[in-house]
Amino acid sequence: MSVPDKQVVRQCLSYLPLENFLAPFLDYRKQLKTVNLLKIFLSAQLLKWDSLYTIERGIRSDPELQKEFQIHSINKSQLSRRMNALPVEVTQALFAAVVHAVQKTAHPRKKQDKLTLGIVDSTSLRMPPMIGDWAYVTEKQNSVKVHTRLMVIDEHTAYPDQIVPSTGNVSDYIGSDSLVVDPGVLYVMDRGYVCYKRMQKWATHNIDFVVRLANHHFAEILEERPIPEGNDEVVRDAMVLLGNQPKTKMSAPLRLIEFYDEQNRFYRLATTKCDLSVEEVMDIYRNRWLIELFFKWLKQHLKFAKLYSHQPDAVWNHIYLALIAYGLSYLVKQELGTKQTIWHVLELIRLYATKSWSSFLRELHRGPSKFSLGRRKKGPPEPWQVKETPGVQIHQPKKRKR
């Protein structure tokens, strides 16, 4: 798929199935077509252009990009209007297509292959006081939320396969209604997703989960399970019924594991998995930290937290385009068969953005320039290297006979 004389940004965009997003009904009498609008904002994500004015100057400075986007000139007002008017269904469908492509290239987990881990959590994006009042949360805060399901590939890699954007006043457990749905996935969630009604529904429909409980959540002990010998971290392993109110108390029993971590912090986990050991359940919950790292990655390395526009549809499109850019970086990494991290691949895309694809490949697959033999062990010092001290006899090793 590599084209040596093609620009790196243009080659990266060719990994996307954009030919399926031709929209004549949206592009009637418009110079900037929908496909090219998507290419522009995806390029802005990849190159981290921080404003609409930067996008305008970036396109104006590069004839190759003008050729790719099929425009000769563009201005920030036109970009803003088109992004505000772009139906969210377009970016949503492109995100689904990228997820499908990622799923075909993703390798299964090496450990616990029979388990497919899905981590569910949300992150918030702040909105300005006046023009963001449609996302009102409190008098001092306007924000939107991105409810996310992250599928775990290995202990270092994961990808989002489904998101639910909402205003910031939508609770986490309401957002989970569209994310915790597949019986073949083991879901890992934090304390914000504890809802006895929903947990009862999940357990009834054979949806497995590991959820952290707060200390105030009441649990009626049904059966104590044996704690592994020599494990001082685990306090309890038991079958319980959660809740103490008749209307909210669960009828489906869950497994409760209580333990302390290395920093002496107390954890309570409720899970449907009774066939796993205590250590396995604890390790599964530790994977939840991957989604925190994922949100941090998006906000640091892509144009995710700083929005180009604050109109509702533009905000939702911005979120989907940022996630598409992440998926595109992952696809490039997988298709090229490199062991480099996604960030390293994205960093090279930015450094070689306007250079040839062949030069990008050479740098990506470049081996080490120097080979070190490591620190060599020193043998006994030579007689001329030793300074004699009066009154001290130096022992010289005898030569071995051949």
Protein backbone atom coordinates (compact mmCIF):
# COMPACT_ATOMS: atom_id res chain seq x y z
CA MET A 1 0.00 0.00 0.00
CA SER A 2 3.05 2.27 0.24
CA VAL A 3 3.60 4.85 -2.48
CA PRO A 4 7.19 6.17 -2.22
CA ASP A 5 6.55 9.57 -3.82
CA LYS A 6 3.37 10.30 -1.91
CA GLN A 7 3.25 12.75 0.99
CA VAL A 8 2.99 11.15 4.43
CA VAL A 9 -0.25 12.88 5.43
CA ARG A 10 -1.89 11.98 2.13
CA GLN A 11 -0.74 8.37 2.42
CA CYS A 12 -2.15 8.10 5.97
CA LEU A 13 -5.54 9.39 4.81
CA SER A 14 -5.61 6.67 2.13
CA TYR A 15 -5.99 4.07 4.91
CA LEU A 16 -9.54 5.35 5.55
CA PRO A 17 -12.56 4.14 3.51
CA LEU A 18 -13.50 7.71 2.58
CA GLU A 19 -14.76 6.67 -0.84
CA ASN A 20 -17.86 5.37 0.96
CA PHE A 21 -18.69 8.85 2.27
CA LEU A 22 -19.47 10.69 -0.92
CA ALA A 23 -22.57 12.75 -0.14
CA PRO A 24 -24.00 14.57 -3.20
CA PHE A 25 -27.07 15.71 -1.27
CA LEU A 26 -24.82 17.47 1.27
CA ASP A 27 -22.39 18.85 -1.29
CA TYR A 28 -24.85 20.43 -3.71
CA ARG A 29 -23.35 23.74 -4.90
CA LYS A 30 -20.55 23.52 -2.35
CA GLN A 31 -16.90 23.95 -3.29
CA LEU A 32 -15.63 22.05 -0.23
CA LYS A 33 -16.99 18.50 -0.42
CA THR A 34 -17.81 16.44 2.66
CA VAL A 35 -15.02 13.92 2.01
CA ASN A 36 -12.46 16.71 1.76
CA LEU A 37 -13.84 18.38 4.89
CA LEU A 38 -13.26 15.12 6.77
CA LYS A 39 -9.73 14.92 5.36
CA ILE A 40 -8.97 18.47 6.49
CA PHE A 41 -10.06 17.96 10.09
CA LEU A 42 -8.43 14.54 10.33
CA SER A 43 -5.19 16.08 9.09
CA ALA A 44 -5.63 18.79 11.72
CA GLN A 45 -5.93 16.08 14.38
CA LEU A 46 -2.87 14.18 13.14
CA LEU A 47 -0.76 17.33 12.92
CA LYS A 48 -2.32 18.91 16.03
CA TRP A 49 -3.18 22.20 14.34
CA ASP A 50 -4.47 24.17 17.31
CA SER A 51 -6.98 26.53 15.64
CA LEU A 52 -9.05 27.09 12.52
CA TYR A 53 -6.63 29.84 11.55
CA THR A 54 -3.74 27.37 11.77
CA ILE A 55 -5.65 24.99 9.50
CA GLU A 56 -6.22 27.80 7.02
CA ARG A 57 -2.51 28.71 6.95
CA GLY A 58 -1.38 25.08 6.85
CA ILE A 59 -3.44 24.38 3.73
CA ARG A 60 -2.44 27.64 2.05
CA SER A 61 1.27 26.87 2.59
CA ASP A 62 1.24 23.41 0.95
CA PRO A 63 0.20 22.81 -2.68
CA GLU A 64 0.20 19.05 -2.09
CA LEU A 65 -2.47 19.40 0.60
CA GLN A 66 -4.48 21.68 -1.66
CA LYS A 67 -4.33 18.94 -4.28
CA GLU A 68 -5.43 16.31 -1.76
CA PHE A 69 -8.34 18.44 -0.47
CA GLN A 70 -9.25 19.66 -3.99
CA ILE A 71 -9.29 23.31 -2.99
CA HIS A 72 -7.12 26.32 -3.81
CA SER A 73 -8.04 28.45 -0.81
CA ILE A 74 -10.00 28.14 2.42
CA ASN A 75 -10.81 30.40 5.35
CA LYS A 76 -11.62 29.69 8.97
CA SER A 77 -15.20 30.98 8.70
CA GLN A 78 -15.97 28.51 5.93
CA LEU A 79 -14.43 25.67 7.95
CA SER A 80 -16.50 26.63 11.00
CA ARG A 81 -19.76 26.81 9.05
CA ARG A 82 -19.22 23.45 7.35
CA MET A 83 -18.30 21.69 10.59
CA ASN A 84 -21.35 23.14 12.38
CA ALA A 85 -23.60 21.92 9.55
CA LEU A 86 -22.04 18.47 9.11
CA PRO A 87 -24.48 15.76 10.30
CA VAL A 88 -23.06 13.80 13.22
CA GLU A 89 -24.18 10.58 11.51
CA VAL A 90 -21.35 11.05 8.97
CA THR A 91 -18.50 11.10 11.51
CA GLN A 92 -20.26 8.43 13.56
CA ALA A 93 -20.37 6.11 10.53
CA LEU A 94 -16.70 6.80 9.72
CA PHE A 95 -15.76 5.99 13.33
CA ALA A 96 -17.63 2.68 13.07
CA ALA A 97 -15.78 1.86 9.82
CA VAL A 98 -12.41 2.58 11.46
CA VAL A 99 -13.32 0.42 14.47
CA HIS A 100 -14.19 -2.42 12.11
CA ALA A 101 -10.81 -2.08 10.39
CA VAL A 102 -9.01 -1.98 13.76
CA GLN A 103 -10.81 -5.11 14.95
CA LYS A 104 -9.53 -7.04 11.92
CA THR A 105 -5.91 -6.14 12.69
CA ALA A 106 -6.03 -6.32 16.50
CA HIS A 107 -4.28 -9.30 18.02
CA PRO A 108 -5.90 -11.18 20.94
CA ARG A 109 -4.55 -10.95 24.46
CA LYS A 110 -1.73 -13.36 25.22
CA LYS A 111 -2.94 -13.95 28.74
CA GLN A 112 -6.50 -14.95 29.53
CA ASP A 113 -7.37 -15.41 25.84
CA LYS A 114 -10.80 -16.70 26.76
CA LEU A 115 -11.65 -13.33 28.32
CA THR A 116 -12.41 -10.22 26.29
CA LEU A 117 -11.97 -7.21 28.54
CA GLY A 118 -14.00 -4.07 27.99
CA ILE A 119 -13.27 -1.09 30.24
CA VAL A 120 -16.09 1.41 30.65
CA ASP A 121 -15.56 4.97 31.86
CA SER A 122 -16.11 8.59 30.83
CA THR A 123 -14.14 11.79 30.50
CA SER A 124 -15.34 15.40 30.49
CA LEU A 125 -14.53 18.34 28.23
CA ARG A 126 -15.04 21.86 29.59
CA MET A 127 -17.23 24.32 27.69
CA PRO A 128 -17.06 28.14 27.88
CA PRO A 129 -19.55 29.98 30.15
CA MET A 130 -21.75 31.75 27.57
CA ILE A 131 -21.69 29.92 24.24
CA GLY A 132 -21.51 26.56 26.02
CA ASP A 133 -24.64 27.01 28.14
CA TRP A 134 -26.42 24.30 26.12
CA ALA A 135 -24.18 21.87 28.08
CA TYR A 136 -25.13 23.35 31.47
CA VAL A 137 -24.15 21.30 34.54
CA THR A 138 -23.88 23.84 37.38
CA GLU A 139 -23.71 27.60 37.64
CA LYS A 140 -19.93 27.42 37.39
CA GLN A 141 -19.56 24.58 34.92
CA ASN A 142 -20.62 23.70 31.39
CA SER A 143 -19.23 20.46 30.02
CA VAL A 144 -19.79 17.47 27.76
CA LYS A 145 -19.02 13.83 28.51
CA VAL A 146 -17.60 11.07 26.37
CA HIS A 147 -18.81 7.69 27.70
CA THR A 148 -16.34 5.16 26.31
CA ARG A 149 -15.92 1.40 26.01
CA LEU A 150 -12.26 0.49 25.62
CA MET A 151 -11.40 -2.99 24.36
CA VAL A 152 -8.13 -4.35 25.77
CA ILE A 153 -5.65 -5.95 23.36
CA ASP A 154 -2.76 -6.41 25.78
CA GLU A 155 -1.39 -4.78 28.92
CA HIS A 156 -0.15 -1.80 26.89
CA THR A 157 -2.66 -1.43 24.05
CA ALA A 158 -6.39 -0.84 23.80
CA TYR A 159 -8.83 0.81 21.40
CA PRO A 160 -12.28 2.41 21.79
CA ASP A 161 -14.93 0.44 19.94
CA GLN A 162 -17.95 2.44 21.07
CA ILE A 163 -18.64 5.87 22.57
CA VAL A 164 -21.72 7.78 23.73
CA PRO A 165 -21.28 11.57 23.74
CA SER A 166 -23.58 13.48 26.11
CA THR A 167 -23.86 16.64 28.12
CA GLY A 168 -22.04 16.66 31.44
CA ASN A 169 -25.15 16.15 33.58
CA VAL A 170 -25.67 12.58 32.32
CA SER A 171 -24.51 10.12 34.98
CA ASP A 172 -22.00 7.38 34.27
CA TYR A 173 -24.40 4.51 34.90
CA ILE A 174 -26.95 5.99 32.48
CA GLY A 175 -24.21 6.20 29.87
CA SER A 176 -23.47 2.52 30.44
CA ASP A 177 -26.88 1.50 29.09
CA SER A 178 -25.51 1.61 25.54
CA LEU A 179 -22.05 0.25 26.41
CA VAL A 180 -22.61 -2.74 28.71
CA VAL A 181 -24.64 -4.88 26.33
CA ASP A 182 -22.55 -7.75 24.93
CA PRO A 183 -22.57 -11.06 26.87
CA GLY A 184 -19.19 -12.09 25.46
CA VAL A 185 -17.29 -9.25 27.17
CA LEU A 186 -16.05 -8.99 30.76
CA TYR A 187 -16.71 -5.36 31.72
CA VAL A 188 -14.48 -3.50 34.18
CA MET A 189 -15.93 -0.40 35.84
CA ASP A 190 -15.29 2.00 38.69
CA ARG A 191 -17.55 3.16 41.53
CA GLY A 192 -19.57 5.56 39.35
CA TYR A 193 -21.28 2.59 37.66
CA VAL A 194 -22.73 0.98 40.79
CA CYS A 195 -26.48 0.74 40.21
CA TYR A 196 -28.21 -2.26 41.79
CA LYS A 197 -31.00 -2.24 39.20
CA ARG A 198 -28.56 -2.34 36.29
CA MET A 199 -26.25 -4.84 37.98
CA GLN A 200 -29.23 -7.11 38.56
CA LYS A 201 -30.10 -6.83 34.86
CA TRP A 202 -26.53 -7.61 33.78
CA ALA A 203 -26.27 -10.64 36.03
CA THR A 204 -29.66 -11.93 34.83
CA HIS A 205 -28.65 -11.59 31.17
CA ASN A 206 -25.27 -13.34 31.70
CA ILE A 207 -23.24 -10.15 31.26
CA ASP A 208 -20.07 -10.52 33.31
CA PHE A 209 -18.53 -7.56 35.10
CA VAL A 210 -16.04 -6.45 37.74
CA VAL A 211 -17.19 -3.28 39.52
CA ARG A 212 -15.55 -1.45 42.37
CA LEU A 213 -17.84 -0.73 45.33
CA ALA A 214 -17.63 2.17 47.74
CA ASN A 215 -17.24 1.45 51.45
CA HIS A 216 -20.86 2.43 52.20
CA HIS A 217 -22.40 -0.15 49.86
CA PHE A 218 -24.07 -2.75 52.08
CA ALA A 219 -23.44 -6.43 51.38
CA GLU A 220 -25.28 -9.32 53.05
CA ILE A 221 -22.89 -12.25 53.41
CA LEU A 222 -24.27 -15.53 52.07
CA GLU A 223 -21.13 -17.65 52.03
CA GLU A 224 -17.50 -17.08 52.92
CA ARG A 225 -15.04 -18.46 50.39
CA PRO A 226 -11.54 -19.60 51.39
CA ILE A 227 -8.79 -16.99 51.13
CA PRO A 228 -5.58 -18.18 49.42
CA GLU A 229 -2.85 -19.07 51.90
CA GLY A 230 0.08 -16.71 52.05
CA ASN A 231 -1.88 -13.83 50.48
CA ASP A 232 -1.88 -11.08 53.09
CA GLU A 233 -3.52 -8.55 50.76
CA VAL A 234 -6.93 -10.26 50.58
CA VAL A 235 -9.33 -9.59 53.44
CA ARG A 236 -12.47 -11.34 52.18
CA ASP A 237 -13.76 -13.54 49.38
CA ALA A 238 -17.51 -14.18 49.78
CA MET A 239 -20.85 -14.56 48.00
CA VAL A 240 -23.15 -11.66 48.88
CA LEU A 241 -26.39 -9.86 48.12
CA LEU A 242 -25.95 -6.13 47.61
CA GLY A 243 -28.34 -3.55 49.04
CA ASN A 244 -30.33 -3.22 52.24
CA GLN A 245 -33.56 -1.64 50.99
CA PRO A 246 -36.44 -3.90 49.85
CA LYS A 247 -36.94 -1.95 46.60
CA THR A 248 -33.29 -1.86 45.55
CA LYS A 249 -31.79 -5.01 47.07
CA MET A 250 -30.41 -7.40 44.48
CA SER A 251 -31.72 -10.94 44.24
CA ALA A 252 -28.79 -12.21 42.13
CA PRO A 253 -25.79 -13.14 44.31
CA LEU A 254 -22.40 -11.65 43.46
CA ARG A 255 -18.88 -12.41 44.53
CA LEU A 256 -17.30 -9.82 46.84
CA ILE A 257 -13.51 -9.50 47.08
CA GLU A 258 -11.94 -7.10 49.57
CA PHE A 259 -8.20 -6.42 49.56
CA TYR A 260 -5.45 -3.88 50.15
CA ASP A 261 -3.04 -2.86 47.39
CA GLU A 262 0.69 -2.19 47.63
CA GLN A 263 0.03 1.35 48.91
CA ASN A 264 -2.34 0.09 51.62
CA ARG A 265 -5.46 1.38 49.83
CA PHE A 266 -8.65 -0.58 50.46
CA TYR A 267 -10.66 -2.00 47.52
CA ARG A 268 -14.01 -3.77 47.31
CA LEU A 269 -14.83 -5.55 44.05
CA ALA A 270 -18.17 -7.07 43.07
CA THR A 271 -18.10 -9.56 40.19
CA THR A 272 -20.08 -12.30 38.52
CA LYS A 273 -16.92 -14.34 37.83
CA CYS A 274 -16.71 -17.16 40.35
CA ASP A 275 -14.46 -19.39 38.25
CA LEU A 276 -11.44 -17.08 38.51
CA SER A 277 -8.96 -16.93 41.36
CA VAL A 278 -8.76 -13.90 43.63
CA GLU A 279 -5.47 -12.87 42.04
CA GLU A 280 -6.97 -13.05 38.54
CA VAL A 281 -9.91 -10.83 39.51
CA MET A 282 -7.53 -8.32 41.10
CA ASP A 283 -5.34 -8.30 37.98
CA ILE A 284 -8.39 -7.79 35.77
CA TYR A 285 -9.45 -4.74 37.75
CA ARG A 286 -5.94 -3.28 37.52
CA ASN A 287 -6.48 -3.10 33.74
CA ARG A 288 -9.01 -0.34 34.41
CA TRP A 289 -6.11 2.09 34.60
CA LEU A 290 -5.68 1.68 30.82
CA ILE A 291 -8.70 3.86 30.13
CA GLU A 292 -7.31 6.65 32.30
CA LEU A 293 -4.08 6.48 30.30
CA PHE A 294 -6.12 6.46 27.08
CA PHE A 295 -8.00 9.66 28.00
CA LYS A 296 -4.71 11.28 29.02
CA TRP A 297 -3.17 10.22 25.67
CA LEU A 298 -6.03 11.78 23.71
CA LYS A 299 -5.78 15.09 25.56
CA GLN A 300 -1.99 15.29 25.32
CA HIS A 301 -1.30 14.06 21.79
CA LEU A 302 -4.44 14.94 19.78
CA LYS A 303 -6.75 17.92 19.41
CA PHE A 304 -9.31 16.40 21.76
CA ALA A 305 -9.76 18.72 24.73
CA LYS A 306 -9.46 22.05 22.88
CA LEU A 307 -12.46 22.43 20.57
CA TYR A 308 -12.52 24.28 17.24
CA SER A 309 -16.18 25.22 17.68
CA HIS A 310 -18.64 25.07 20.59
CA GLN A 311 -21.86 24.45 18.67
CA PRO A 312 -23.46 21.07 19.56
CA ASP A 313 -22.98 19.20 16.26
CA ALA A 314 -19.47 20.61 15.84
CA VAL A 315 -18.54 19.35 19.32
CA TRP A 316 -19.84 15.83 18.64
CA ASN A 317 -18.06 15.78 15.25
CA HIS A 318 -14.84 16.95 16.90
CA ILE A 319 -14.98 14.09 19.42
CA TYR A 320 -15.56 11.45 16.73
CA LEU A 321 -12.81 12.85 14.51
CA ALA A 322 -10.29 12.75 17.37
CA LEU A 323 -11.10 9.09 18.00
CA ILE A 324 -10.90 8.35 14.26
CA ALA A 325 -7.41 9.91 14.25
CA TYR A 326 -6.41 7.62 17.11
CA GLY A 327 -7.74 4.61 15.21
CA LEU A 328 -5.94 5.76 12.06
CA SER A 329 -2.64 5.96 13.96
CA TYR A 330 -3.24 2.43 15.22
CA LEU A 331 -4.03 1.19 11.71
CA VAL A 332 -0.80 2.68 10.33
CA LYS A 333 1.15 1.00 13.13
CA GLN A 334 -0.47 -2.38 12.49
CA GLU A 335 -0.32 -2.27 8.71
CA LEU A 336 3.40 -1.43 8.76
CA GLY A 337 4.14 -4.21 11.23
CA THR A 338 6.20 -2.05 13.57
CA LYS A 339 6.68 -2.65 17.28
CA GLN A 340 6.85 1.08 17.92
CA THR A 341 4.16 2.60 20.15
CA ILE A 342 1.19 4.47 18.69
CA TRP A 343 2.66 7.72 20.02
CA HIS A 344 6.00 7.08 18.29
CA VAL A 345 4.18 6.43 14.99
CA LEU A 346 2.11 9.60 15.38
CA GLU A 347 5.20 11.61 16.29
CA LEU A 348 6.95 10.45 13.11
CA ILE A 349 3.84 11.27 11.05
CA ARG A 350 4.09 14.84 12.32
CA LEU A 351 7.84 15.11 11.74
CA TYR A 352 7.58 13.69 8.20
CA ALA A 353 4.13 15.10 7.39
CA THR A 354 5.17 16.88 4.19
CA LYS A 355 7.99 14.48 3.25
CA SER A 356 7.82 11.34 1.12
CA TRP A 357 6.33 8.11 2.40
CA SER A 358 9.56 6.24 1.67
CA SER A 359 11.55 8.54 3.95
CA PHE A 360 8.97 7.99 6.68
CA LEU A 361 9.30 4.21 6.31
CA ARG A 362 13.09 4.38 6.46
CA GLU A 363 12.97 6.30 9.72
CA LEU A 364 10.25 4.08 11.19
CA HIS A 365 12.19 0.89 10.51
CA ARG A 366 15.64 2.33 11.12
CA GLY A 367 17.78 0.12 13.32
CA PRO A 368 20.16 1.31 16.02
CA SER A 369 23.10 3.31 14.71
CA LYS A 370 25.56 1.89 17.24
CA PHE A 371 25.89 -1.52 18.77
CA SER A 372 27.23 -1.66 22.31
CA LEU A 373 28.91 -4.71 23.78
CA GLY A 374 27.92 -3.49 27.21
CA ARG A 375 30.23 -2.80 30.08
CA ARG A 376 33.11 -5.23 29.82
CA LYS A 377 34.38 -6.94 32.94
CA LYS A 378 37.85 -5.98 34.02
CA GLY A 379 40.35 -8.67 34.93
CA PRO A 380 43.14 -8.40 37.50
CA PRO A 381 45.16 -5.20 37.09
CA GLU A 382 48.46 -5.36 35.27
CA PRO A 383 51.57 -4.89 37.45
CA TRP A 384 52.29 -1.51 35.87
CA GLN A 385 48.74 -0.31 36.77
CA VAL A 386 49.20 -0.90 40.51
CA LYS A 387 50.87 1.64 42.72
CA GLU A 388 52.91 -0.04 45.41
CA THR A 389 52.40 1.15 48.95
CA PRO A 390 55.28 0.79 51.43
CA GLY A 391 54.70 -2.13 53.80
CA VAL A 392 51.90 -3.62 51.68
CA GLN A 393 52.54 -6.79 49.65
CA ILE A 394 50.55 -7.08 46.43
CA HIS A 395 49.49 -10.57 45.44
CA GLN A 396 50.01 -11.25 41.73
CA PRO A 397 47.94 -14.10 40.25
CA LYS A 398 49.96 -16.98 38.94
CA LYS A 399 49.90 -17.75 35.22
CA ARG A 400 48.00 -20.91 34.35
CA LYS A 401 50.07 -23.67 32.74
CA ARG A 402 48.94 -24.79 29.33
